[in-house]
Amino acid sequence: DAMRSWISQNLKYPGDAFNKKVKGTVDVGFLVTTAGKIKDVQVIKPVCPSLDAEAKRVISIMPDWKPATQHGKPVPVQMKVQVEFKLQ
Protein backbone atom coordinates (compact mmCIF):
# COMPACT_ATOMS: atom_id res chain seq x y z
CA ASP A 1 0.00 0.00 0.00
CA ALA A 2 0.99 3.66 -0.28
CA MET A 3 2.00 4.05 3.37
CA ARG A 4 4.32 1.01 3.31
CA SER A 5 6.03 2.16 0.11
CA TRP A 6 6.43 5.70 1.52
CA ILE A 7 8.03 4.28 4.68
CA SER A 8 10.41 2.03 2.73
CA GLN A 9 11.45 4.93 0.45
CA ASN A 10 12.19 7.21 3.42
CA LEU A 11 13.68 4.71 5.86
CA LYS A 12 17.44 4.89 6.37
CA TYR A 13 19.03 1.78 7.86
CA PRO A 14 21.23 3.02 10.74
CA GLY A 15 24.88 2.21 10.01
CA ASP A 16 25.66 0.68 13.40
CA ALA A 17 22.68 -1.70 13.20
CA PHE A 18 23.51 -2.56 9.58
CA ASN A 19 27.16 -3.31 10.44
CA LYS A 20 26.10 -5.51 13.39
CA LYS A 21 23.46 -7.18 11.16
CA VAL A 22 20.68 -6.17 13.57
CA LYS A 23 17.23 -6.57 12.03
CA GLY A 24 13.68 -6.70 13.27
CA THR A 25 10.30 -5.01 13.39
CA VAL A 26 9.73 -1.91 15.51
CA ASP A 27 6.11 -1.29 16.50
CA VAL A 28 5.35 2.44 16.58
CA GLY A 29 2.18 3.99 17.96
CA PHE A 30 0.95 7.50 17.19
CA LEU A 31 -2.09 9.73 17.14
CA VAL A 32 -3.69 11.00 13.93
CA THR A 33 -5.35 14.30 14.84
CA THR A 34 -8.63 15.63 13.45
CA ALA A 35 -6.49 17.62 10.99
CA GLY A 36 -4.65 14.44 9.86
CA LYS A 37 -1.39 15.40 11.58
CA ILE A 38 0.87 12.76 13.17
CA LYS A 39 1.43 13.38 16.91
CA ASP A 40 2.71 11.61 20.03
CA VAL A 41 4.91 9.10 18.19
CA GLN A 42 6.05 6.34 20.59
CA VAL A 43 7.99 3.12 20.18
CA ILE A 44 5.76 0.33 21.53
CA LYS A 45 7.94 -2.69 20.72
CA PRO A 46 11.64 -1.74 20.55
CA VAL A 47 14.38 -3.69 18.77
CA CYS A 48 17.55 -1.66 19.44
CA PRO A 49 18.12 2.06 20.11
CA SER A 50 19.21 3.06 16.58
CA LEU A 51 16.42 1.12 14.80
CA ASP A 52 13.87 2.44 17.30
CA ALA A 53 15.02 6.04 16.74
CA GLU A 54 14.88 5.66 12.94
CA ALA A 55 11.40 4.10 13.05
CA LYS A 56 10.20 6.98 15.25
CA ARG A 57 11.84 9.54 12.91
CA VAL A 58 10.28 8.15 9.74
CA ILE A 59 6.78 7.93 11.25
CA SER A 60 7.13 11.49 12.59
CA ILE A 61 7.80 12.92 9.10
CA MET A 62 5.01 11.03 7.29
CA PRO A 63 2.71 13.17 5.16
CA ASP A 64 -0.64 14.07 6.71
CA TRP A 65 -3.23 11.33 6.86
CA LYS A 66 -6.89 11.57 6.00
CA PRO A 67 -8.51 11.97 9.43
CA ALA A 68 -10.87 9.30 10.71
CA THR A 69 -14.51 10.30 10.89
CA GLN A 70 -17.34 9.40 13.18
CA HIS A 71 -20.88 10.55 12.42
CA GLY A 72 -19.42 12.60 9.55
CA LYS A 73 -17.01 14.56 11.78
CA PRO A 74 -13.22 14.16 12.00
CA VAL A 75 -12.03 12.41 15.16
CA PRO A 76 -8.54 11.74 16.53
CA VAL A 77 -7.49 8.10 16.30
CA GLN A 78 -4.65 6.10 17.81
CA MET A 79 -2.72 4.03 15.25
CA LYS A 80 0.02 1.41 15.29
CA VAL A 81 2.43 0.70 12.44
CA GLN A 82 5.15 -1.91 12.17
CA VAL A 83 8.41 -0.63 10.69
CA GLU A 84 10.45 -3.53 9.37
CA PHE A 85 14.23 -3.47 9.09
CA LYS A 86 15.61 -6.34 7.03
CA LEU A 87 19.04 -6.82 5.56
CA GLN A 88 19.13 -7.31 1.80
C-alpha atoms as a PDB file:
ATOM      1  CA  ASP A   1       0.000   0.000   0.000  1.00  0.00           C
ATOM      2  CA  ALA A   2       0.993   3.655  -0.279  1.00  0.00           C
ATOM      3  CA  MET A   3       1.996   4.051   3.374  1.00  0.00           C
ATOM      4  CA  ARG A   4       4.319   1.013   3.306  1.00  0.00           C
ATOM      5  CA  SER A   5       6.026   2.157   0.108  1.00  0.00           C
ATOM      6  CA  TRP A   6       6.430   5.701   1.515  1.00  0.00           C
ATOM      7  CA  ILE A   7       8.026   4.278   4.684  1.00  0.00           C
ATOM      8  CA  SER A   8      10.406   2.035   2.728  1.00  0.00           C
ATOM      9  CA  GLN A   9      11.451   4.933   0.449  1.00  0.00           C
ATOM     10  CA  ASN A  10      12.193   7.211   3.418  1.00  0.00           C
ATOM     11  CA  LEU A  11      13.677   4.710   5.861  1.00  0.00           C
ATOM     12  CA  LYS A  12      17.438   4.887   6.373  1.00  0.00           C
ATOM     13  CA  TYR A  13      19.028   1.776   7.865  1.00  0.00           C
ATOM     14  CA  PRO A  14      21.227   3.022  10.737  1.00  0.00           C
ATOM     15  CA  GLY A  15      24.877   2.208  10.007  1.00  0.00           C
ATOM     16  CA  ASP A  16      25.658   0.676  13.404  1.00  0.00           C
ATOM     17  CA  ALA A  17      22.681  -1.704  13.202  1.00  0.00           C
ATOM     18  CA  PHE A  18      23.509  -2.557   9.580  1.00  0.00           C
ATOM     19  CA  ASN A  19      27.157  -3.313  10.445  1.00  0.00           C
ATOM     20  CA  LYS A  20      26.096  -5.508  13.386  1.00  0.00           C
ATOM     21  CA  LYS A  21      23.460  -7.179  11.155  1.00  0.00           C
ATOM     22  CA  VAL A  22      20.679  -6.173  13.569  1.00  0.00           C
ATOM     23  CA  LYS A  23      17.233  -6.573  12.034  1.00  0.00           C
ATOM     24  CA  GLY A  24      13.679  -6.700  13.269  1.00  0.00           C
ATOM     25  CA  THR A  25      10.305  -5.012  13.387  1.00  0.00           C
ATOM     26  CA  VAL A  26       9.733  -1.915  15.511  1.00  0.00           C
ATOM     27  CA  ASP A  27       6.107  -1.291  16.503  1.00  0.00           C
ATOM     28  CA  VAL A  28       5.348   2.436  16.575  1.00  0.00           C
ATOM     29  CA  GLY A  29       2.175   3.993  17.959  1.00  0.00           C
ATOM     30  CA  PHE A  30       0.954   7.499  17.190  1.00  0.00           C
ATOM     31  CA  LEU A  31      -2.087   9.734  17.143  1.00  0.00           C
ATOM     32  CA  VAL A  32      -3.692  10.997  13.931  1.00  0.00           C
ATOM     33  CA  THR A  33      -5.355  14.304  14.836  1.00  0.00           C
ATOM     34  CA  THR A  34      -8.633  15.631  13.452  1.00  0.00           C
ATOM     35  CA  ALA A  35      -6.490  17.622  10.988  1.00  0.00           C
ATOM     36  CA  GLY A  36      -4.655  14.442   9.864  1.00  0.00           C
ATOM     37  CA  LYS A  37      -1.389  15.396  11.584  1.00  0.00           C
ATOM     38  CA  ILE A  38       0.873  12.755  13.167  1.00  0.00           C
ATOM     39  CA  LYS A  39       1.434  13.379  16.907  1.00  0.00           C
ATOM     40  CA  ASP A  40       2.705  11.614  20.029  1.00  0.00           C
ATOM     41  CA  VAL A  41       4.912   9.096  18.188  1.00  0.00           C
ATOM     42  CA  GLN A  42       6.050   6.344  20.588  1.00  0.00           C
ATOM     43  CA  VAL A  43       7.992   3.118  20.182  1.00  0.00           C
ATOM     44  CA  ILE A  44       5.756   0.333  21.529  1.00  0.00           C
ATOM     45  CA  LYS A  45       7.941  -2.686  20.723  1.00  0.00           C
ATOM     46  CA  PRO A  46      11.637  -1.740  20.552  1.00  0.00           C
ATOM     47  CA  VAL A  47      14.378  -3.694  18.768  1.00  0.00           C
ATOM     48  CA  CYS A  48      17.548  -1.656  19.438  1.00  0.00           C
ATOM     49  CA  PRO A  49      18.124   2.061  20.110  1.00  0.00           C
ATOM     50  CA  SER A  50      19.208   3.057  16.582  1.00  0.00           C
ATOM     51  CA  LEU A  51      16.421   1.125  14.802  1.00  0.00           C
ATOM     52  CA  ASP A  52      13.870   2.443  17.301  1.00  0.00           C
ATOM     53  CA  ALA A  53      15.015   6.041  16.739  1.00  0.00           C
ATOM     54  CA  GLU A  54      14.879   5.656  12.943  1.00  0.00           C
ATOM     55  CA  ALA A  55      11.400   4.100  13.055  1.00  0.00           C
ATOM     56  CA  LYS A  56      10.201   6.980  15.253  1.00  0.00           C
ATOM     57  CA  ARG A  57      11.838   9.536  12.913  1.00  0.00           C
ATOM     58  CA  VAL A  58      10.280   8.150   9.736  1.00  0.00           C
ATOM     59  CA  ILE A  59       6.784   7.926  11.254  1.00  0.00           C
ATOM     60  CA  SER A  60       7.133  11.493  12.591  1.00  0.00           C
ATOM     61  CA  ILE A  61       7.795  12.922   9.099  1.00  0.00           C
ATOM     62  CA  MET A  62       5.014  11.027   7.286  1.00  0.00           C
ATOM     63  CA  PRO A  63       2.711  13.168   5.158  1.00  0.00           C
ATOM     64  CA  ASP A  64      -0.639  14.073   6.706  1.00  0.00           C
ATOM     65  CA  TRP A  65      -3.228  11.328   6.856  1.00  0.00           C
ATOM     66  CA  LYS A  66      -6.889  11.573   5.996  1.00  0.00           C
ATOM     67  CA  PRO A  67      -8.507  11.967   9.430  1.00  0.00           C
ATOM     68  CA  ALA A  68     -10.869   9.297  10.705  1.00  0.00           C
ATOM     69  CA  THR A  69     -14.512  10.301  10.886  1.00  0.00           C
ATOM     70  CA  GLN A  70     -17.338   9.399  13.184  1.00  0.00           C
ATOM     71  CA  HIS A  71     -20.877  10.551  12.417  1.00  0.00           C
ATOM     72  CA  GLY A  72     -19.416  12.596   9.554  1.00  0.00           C
ATOM     73  CA  LYS A  73     -17.012  14.562  11.784  1.00  0.00           C
ATOM     74  CA  PRO A  74     -13.215  14.155  12.004  1.00  0.00           C
ATOM     75  CA  VAL A  75     -12.031  12.405  15.161  1.00  0.00           C
ATOM     76  CA  PRO A  76      -8.537  11.737  16.531  1.00  0.00           C
ATOM     77  CA  VAL A  77      -7.488   8.100  16.298  1.00  0.00           C
ATOM     78  CA  GLN A  78      -4.649   6.100  17.814  1.00  0.00           C
ATOM     79  CA  MET A  79      -2.720   4.030  15.247  1.00  0.00           C
ATOM     80  CA  LYS A  80       0.020   1.410  15.289  1.00  0.00           C
ATOM     81  CA  VAL A  81       2.429   0.700  12.439  1.00  0.00           C
ATOM     82  CA  GLN A  82       5.150  -1.911  12.167  1.00  0.00           C
ATOM     83  CA  VAL A  83       8.410  -0.629  10.692  1.00  0.00           C
ATOM     84  CA  GLU A  84      10.446  -3.530   9.371  1.00  0.00           C
ATOM     85  CA  PHE A  85      14.228  -3.473   9.089  1.00  0.00           C
ATOM     86  CA  LYS A  86      15.611  -6.339   7.029  1.00  0.00           C
ATOM     87  CA  LEU A  87      19.037  -6.816   5.561  1.00  0.00           C
ATOM     88  CA  GLN A  88      19.133  -7.311   1.804  1.00  0.00           C
END
